[in-house]
């Protein structure tokens, strides 16, 4: 989020949402690639180097920030900044809050699928006996991030063309449909479940950068950092609660049957519908560059 704050400070106007989308794409690509990089380096030089390469990357990022990152072009006095940790101005910004609540729902759903997809596909393989030694559940899990990165970037472009709120509403409704039936596919074969998980990931990630760009673009410049802090806090709250609630629901059902998995996934439909209701109630604004921004 500090990096995204620095980026949004130096890029304003219609291109800001595209810059935010590119930032999200870099996170998605590097996150997906990290599994393969760590595994390869670990196989060559041992698991300590497989993990340690991440520390080297963080050190290079710090050096890049110190040398190349420009200073913010904005200078705010203490009065305009407000008190430290005073988030009331952020919570009064209905448009930014709407996008942040949407992001909470998004990360709830995204983290749940990412956390449980390997177990779910293992269950599907055991039920059908048609798993794969090459396209393993772990490989499918890595591909989720790559598919999601593509749909995330494309989603922001679609939001600019068709209207941000309308596009997010459409994506959420499609996501509700996927969550309602994907769990029941576990008993219908490994390959069907794997394909559906990849398609579902594409839908879930499709509004990722769209929501974050909405929050950044709706933020009052003086409170952009605080707005992004609330956005991040709500997002990772959803990322924590989603997999946990999914596990609780699965435990309450019979996790050895497609019906049990189906009901666990259905809880995501309920969460997304609640988030959609909040989004429509708060009525978020369009951004500069969106087709309906006028």
Protein backbone atom coordinates (compact mmCIF):
# COMPACT_ATOMS: atom_id res chain seq x y z
CA UNK A 1 0.00 0.00 0.00
CA UNK A 2 2.81 2.55 0.59
CA UNK A 3 4.07 1.79 -2.91
CA UNK A 4 0.59 2.22 -4.35
CA UNK A 5 0.22 5.48 -2.43
CA UNK A 6 3.46 6.77 -3.95
CA UNK A 7 2.32 5.70 -7.40
CA UNK A 8 -1.08 7.36 -7.13
CA UNK A 9 0.51 10.60 -5.89
CA UNK A 10 2.46 11.07 -9.12
CA UNK A 11 -0.21 9.85 -11.58
CA UNK A 12 -3.51 11.71 -11.51
CA UNK A 13 -6.50 11.89 -13.82
CA UNK A 14 -7.81 9.35 -16.33
CA UNK A 15 -4.63 7.24 -16.36
CA UNK A 16 -4.55 6.71 -12.60
CA UNK A 17 -6.83 3.66 -12.66
CA UNK A 18 -4.62 2.06 -15.33
CA UNK A 19 -1.55 2.67 -13.20
CA UNK A 20 -3.27 1.04 -10.22
CA UNK A 21 -4.24 -1.89 -12.46
CA UNK A 22 -0.63 -2.30 -13.60
CA UNK A 23 0.48 -2.23 -9.96
CA UNK A 24 -2.01 -5.00 -9.15
CA UNK A 25 -0.78 -7.00 -12.15
CA UNK A 26 2.83 -6.82 -10.95
CA UNK A 27 1.74 -8.12 -7.55
CA UNK A 28 -0.23 -10.97 -9.12
CA UNK A 29 2.52 -12.03 -11.53
CA UNK A 30 5.29 -11.92 -8.93
CA UNK A 31 3.11 -13.72 -6.38
CA UNK A 32 2.34 -16.53 -8.82
CA UNK A 33 5.94 -16.76 -10.04
CA UNK A 34 7.30 -16.89 -6.49
CA UNK A 35 6.16 -20.50 -6.10
CA UNK A 36 8.11 -21.62 -9.18
CA UNK A 37 11.16 -19.46 -8.39
CA UNK A 38 11.38 -20.69 -4.80
CA UNK A 39 10.93 -24.32 -5.86
CA UNK A 40 13.58 -24.10 -8.61
CA UNK A 41 16.21 -22.30 -6.52
CA UNK A 42 15.48 -24.62 -3.61
CA UNK A 43 16.08 -27.65 -5.84
CA UNK A 44 19.38 -26.22 -7.06
CA UNK A 45 20.86 -24.73 -3.90
CA UNK A 46 18.72 -26.00 -1.02
CA UNK A 47 15.53 -24.79 0.64
CA UNK A 48 17.28 -22.02 2.63
CA UNK A 49 18.24 -20.25 -0.59
CA UNK A 50 14.78 -20.94 -1.95
CA UNK A 51 13.39 -18.83 0.87
CA UNK A 52 16.33 -16.42 1.10
CA UNK A 53 15.87 -15.19 -2.47
CA UNK A 54 12.77 -13.40 -1.22
CA UNK A 55 14.93 -11.44 1.23
CA UNK A 56 17.27 -10.49 -1.60
CA UNK A 57 14.30 -9.25 -3.62
CA UNK A 58 13.09 -7.15 -0.70
CA UNK A 59 16.55 -5.62 -0.35
CA UNK A 60 16.65 -4.71 -4.03
CA UNK A 61 13.17 -3.17 -3.74
CA UNK A 62 14.34 -1.04 -0.81
CA UNK A 63 17.34 0.14 -2.82
CA UNK A 64 15.11 0.97 -5.78
CA UNK A 65 12.77 2.98 -3.55
CA UNK A 66 15.65 4.95 -2.04
CA UNK A 67 17.29 5.74 -5.37
CA UNK A 68 14.52 5.99 -7.95
CA UNK A 69 11.24 6.77 -6.19
CA UNK A 70 10.35 10.45 -6.70
CA UNK A 71 9.11 12.55 -3.84
CA UNK A 72 5.40 13.25 -3.63
CA UNK A 73 4.55 16.42 -5.56
CA UNK A 74 2.04 17.34 -2.88
CA UNK A 75 2.82 19.17 0.34
CA UNK A 76 0.14 19.17 3.02
CA UNK A 77 0.12 21.16 6.20
CA UNK A 78 -0.75 19.51 9.50
CA UNK A 79 -4.27 20.97 9.50
CA UNK A 80 -5.18 19.40 6.18
CA UNK A 81 -3.70 16.04 7.16
CA UNK A 82 -5.82 15.71 10.30
CA UNK A 83 -4.87 13.83 13.44
CA UNK A 84 -2.84 10.64 13.30
CA UNK A 85 -5.04 7.51 13.07
CA UNK A 86 -8.19 9.64 12.75
CA UNK A 87 -10.12 7.74 10.09
CA UNK A 88 -13.41 9.61 10.44
CA UNK A 89 -12.88 11.65 7.24
CA UNK A 90 -12.30 8.38 5.39
CA UNK A 91 -15.45 6.77 6.74
CA UNK A 92 -17.47 9.83 5.67
CA UNK A 93 -16.32 9.32 2.08
CA UNK A 94 -19.17 7.08 0.91
CA UNK A 95 -17.71 6.38 -2.53
CA UNK A 96 -14.29 5.26 -1.25
CA UNK A 97 -15.93 3.27 1.55
CA UNK A 98 -18.18 1.48 -0.96
CA UNK A 99 -15.19 0.34 -3.01
CA UNK A 100 -13.35 -0.73 0.16
CA UNK A 101 -16.30 -2.84 1.34
CA UNK A 102 -16.37 -4.38 -2.11
CA UNK A 103 -12.67 -5.15 -1.69
CA UNK A 104 -13.39 -6.84 1.64
CA UNK A 105 -15.86 -9.15 -0.11
CA UNK A 106 -13.40 -9.70 -2.96
CA UNK A 107 -10.53 -10.75 -0.67
CA UNK A 108 -12.90 -12.90 1.41
CA UNK A 109 -13.76 -14.85 -1.72
CA UNK A 110 -10.29 -14.78 -3.28
CA UNK A 111 -8.42 -15.94 -0.18
CA UNK A 112 -10.97 -18.69 0.43
CA UNK A 113 -10.52 -20.17 -3.02
CA UNK A 114 -6.74 -19.77 -2.92
CA UNK A 115 -6.52 -21.36 0.54
CA UNK A 116 -8.84 -24.30 -0.12
CA UNK A 117 -8.37 -25.05 -3.82
CA UNK A 118 -5.61 -27.65 -3.30
CA UNK A 119 -7.68 -29.52 -0.71
CA UNK A 120 -10.82 -29.28 -2.84
CA UNK A 121 -9.08 -30.61 -5.95
CA UNK A 122 -7.46 -33.39 -3.94
CA UNK A 123 -10.94 -34.32 -2.76
CA UNK A 124 -12.19 -34.29 -6.36
CA UNK A 125 -9.29 -36.49 -7.48
CA UNK A 126 -9.95 -38.99 -4.70
CA UNK A 127 -13.66 -39.11 -5.52
CA UNK A 128 -13.13 -39.76 -9.23
CA UNK A 129 -9.69 -41.35 -9.35
CA UNK A 130 -8.77 -39.27 -12.42
CA UNK A 131 -6.16 -36.89 -11.02
CA UNK A 132 -2.99 -35.85 -12.86
CA UNK A 133 0.71 -36.23 -12.07
CA UNK A 134 1.49 -33.11 -14.12
CA UNK A 135 -1.46 -30.77 -13.64
CA UNK A 136 -1.51 -31.32 -9.90
CA UNK A 137 -3.69 -29.31 -7.49
CA UNK A 138 -0.61 -27.22 -6.61
CA UNK A 139 -0.06 -26.37 -10.29
CA UNK A 140 -3.70 -25.35 -10.64
CA UNK A 141 -3.31 -23.17 -7.54
CA UNK A 142 -0.36 -21.38 -9.13
CA UNK A 143 -2.32 -20.87 -12.34
CA UNK A 144 -5.09 -19.17 -10.39
CA UNK A 145 -2.85 -16.16 -9.82
CA UNK A 146 -1.86 -15.94 -13.50
CA UNK A 147 -5.44 -16.19 -14.73
CA UNK A 148 -6.51 -13.69 -12.09
CA UNK A 149 -3.83 -11.19 -13.10
CA UNK A 150 -5.07 -11.15 -16.69
CA UNK A 151 -8.72 -10.73 -15.74
CA UNK A 152 -7.84 -8.08 -13.16
CA UNK A 153 -6.15 -5.84 -15.74
CA UNK A 154 -8.82 -6.52 -18.35
CA UNK A 155 -11.50 -5.85 -15.75
CA UNK A 156 -10.32 -2.31 -15.09
CA UNK A 157 -10.43 -1.58 -18.81
CA UNK A 158 -13.97 -2.98 -18.96
CA UNK A 159 -14.95 -0.82 -15.98
CA UNK A 160 -13.65 2.28 -17.78
CA UNK A 161 -15.72 1.37 -20.83
CA UNK A 162 -19.00 0.19 -19.30
CA UNK A 163 -19.12 2.05 -15.98
CA UNK A 164 -17.32 1.02 -12.81
CA UNK A 165 -20.32 0.36 -10.55
CA UNK A 166 -22.23 -1.50 -13.25
CA UNK A 167 -19.22 -3.65 -14.09
CA UNK A 168 -18.55 -4.55 -10.44
CA UNK A 169 -22.23 -5.45 -10.01
CA UNK A 170 -22.09 -7.76 -13.03
CA UNK A 171 -18.91 -9.49 -11.82
CA UNK A 172 -20.35 -10.01 -8.35
CA UNK A 173 -23.53 -11.55 -9.74
CA UNK A 174 -21.55 -13.98 -11.91
CA UNK A 175 -19.42 -14.81 -8.88
CA UNK A 176 -22.56 -15.60 -6.87
CA UNK A 177 -23.57 -18.14 -9.53
CA UNK A 178 -20.15 -19.82 -9.55
CA UNK A 179 -19.99 -20.05 -5.76
CA UNK A 180 -23.47 -21.57 -5.66
CA UNK A 181 -22.58 -24.68 -7.67
CA UNK A 182 -18.78 -25.12 -7.89
CA UNK A 183 -18.51 -27.09 -4.64
CA UNK A 184 -20.94 -29.72 -5.88
CA UNK A 185 -18.66 -30.39 -8.89
CA UNK A 186 -16.17 -32.15 -6.63
CA UNK A 187 -17.91 -35.46 -7.22
CA UNK A 188 -18.02 -35.05 -11.02
CA UNK A 189 -14.34 -35.50 -11.83
CA UNK A 190 -10.99 -33.85 -11.21
CA UNK A 191 -10.68 -32.15 -14.57
CA UNK A 192 -14.11 -30.55 -14.44
CA UNK A 193 -13.40 -29.24 -10.94
CA UNK A 194 -9.99 -27.89 -12.03
CA UNK A 195 -11.42 -26.05 -15.05
CA UNK A 196 -14.24 -24.59 -12.97
CA UNK A 197 -11.76 -23.39 -10.33
CA UNK A 198 -9.72 -21.58 -13.00
CA UNK A 199 -12.86 -19.99 -14.46
CA UNK A 200 -14.05 -19.03 -10.98
CA UNK A 201 -10.66 -17.47 -10.22
CA UNK A 202 -10.93 -15.40 -13.37
CA UNK A 203 -14.30 -14.08 -12.21
CA UNK A 204 -13.15 -13.40 -8.64
CA UNK A 205 -10.05 -11.45 -9.72
CA UNK A 206 -11.96 -9.60 -12.46
CA UNK A 207 -12.88 -6.72 -10.13
CA UNK A 208 -9.69 -6.69 -8.04
CA UNK A 209 -7.87 -3.72 -9.55
CA UNK A 210 -11.23 -2.12 -10.41
CA UNK A 211 -12.13 -1.90 -6.71
CA UNK A 212 -8.70 -0.68 -5.60
CA UNK A 213 -8.59 1.92 -8.36
CA UNK A 214 -12.06 3.03 -7.26
CA UNK A 215 -10.87 3.59 -3.69
CA UNK A 216 -7.73 5.43 -4.76
CA UNK A 217 -9.59 7.58 -7.27
CA UNK A 218 -12.38 8.41 -4.82
CA UNK A 219 -10.03 9.38 -2.00
CA UNK A 220 -9.58 13.01 -0.98
CA UNK A 221 -5.89 13.69 -1.83
CA UNK A 222 -5.08 14.87 1.70
CA UNK A 223 -6.44 11.63 3.13
CA UNK A 224 -5.34 9.22 0.40
CA UNK A 225 -2.92 7.40 2.68
CA UNK A 226 -5.52 6.96 5.41
CA UNK A 227 -8.10 5.89 2.82
CA UNK A 228 -5.78 3.22 1.49
CA UNK A 229 -5.03 2.10 5.05
CA UNK A 230 -8.75 1.49 5.64
CA UNK A 231 -9.00 -0.22 2.24
CA UNK A 232 -6.11 -2.51 3.08
CA UNK A 233 -7.37 -3.24 6.59
CA UNK A 234 -10.83 -4.22 5.35
CA UNK A 235 -9.33 -6.26 2.53
CA UNK A 236 -7.06 -8.33 4.74
CA UNK A 237 -9.82 -8.72 7.29
CA UNK A 238 -11.81 -10.43 4.54
CA UNK A 239 -8.73 -12.44 3.60
CA UNK A 240 -8.47 -13.70 7.18
CA UNK A 241 -12.16 -14.43 7.77
CA UNK A 242 -12.98 -16.09 4.45
CA UNK A 243 -10.89 -19.27 4.74
CA UNK A 244 -11.72 -19.54 8.44
CA UNK A 245 -15.50 -19.32 7.95
CA UNK A 246 -15.27 -21.74 5.02
CA UNK A 247 -13.54 -24.27 7.25
CA UNK A 248 -16.12 -23.82 9.99
CA UNK A 249 -18.98 -24.39 7.54
CA UNK A 250 -17.19 -27.41 6.05
CA UNK A 251 -16.68 -28.89 9.53
CA UNK A 252 -20.36 -28.40 10.28
CA UNK A 253 -21.20 -30.41 7.15
CA UNK A 254 -19.77 -33.71 5.93
CA UNK A 255 -16.52 -32.65 4.29
CA UNK A 256 -16.20 -36.04 2.61
CA UNK A 257 -19.18 -35.46 0.28
CA UNK A 258 -19.80 -33.06 -2.62
CA UNK A 259 -22.84 -31.75 -0.73
CA UNK A 260 -20.66 -30.67 2.19
CA UNK A 261 -18.26 -28.83 -0.10
CA UNK A 262 -21.17 -27.34 -2.03
CA UNK A 263 -22.70 -25.84 1.12
CA UNK A 264 -19.31 -24.48 2.22
CA UNK A 265 -18.92 -22.68 -1.11
CA UNK A 266 -22.50 -21.41 -0.98
CA UNK A 267 -21.57 -19.26 2.02
CA UNK A 268 -19.48 -17.22 -0.43
CA UNK A 269 -22.62 -16.48 -2.44
CA UNK A 270 -24.24 -15.06 0.69
CA UNK A 271 -21.21 -12.89 1.49
CA UNK A 272 -21.00 -11.53 -2.05
CA UNK A 273 -24.71 -10.68 -2.09
CA UNK A 274 -24.32 -8.76 1.19
CA UNK A 275 -21.37 -6.87 -0.27
CA UNK A 276 -23.33 -6.10 -3.41
CA UNK A 277 -26.18 -4.70 -1.31
CA UNK A 278 -23.75 -2.42 0.56
CA UNK A 279 -22.20 -1.29 -2.72
CA UNK A 280 -25.55 -0.35 -4.22
CA UNK A 281 -26.61 1.41 -1.03
CA UNK A 282 -23.49 3.61 -0.87
CA UNK A 283 -23.56 4.35 -4.62
CA UNK A 284 -19.84 4.76 -5.47
CA UNK A 285 -18.82 7.42 -7.95
CA UNK A 286 -17.17 6.88 -11.31
CA UNK A 287 -13.56 7.92 -11.86
CA UNK A 288 -11.93 10.24 -14.35
CA UNK A 289 -11.57 8.27 -17.57
CA UNK A 290 -14.61 6.09 -16.98
CA UNK A 291 -17.16 6.26 -19.75
CA UNK A 292 -19.92 7.41 -17.40
CA UNK A 293 -17.73 9.80 -15.41
CA UNK A 294 -19.55 12.82 -16.81
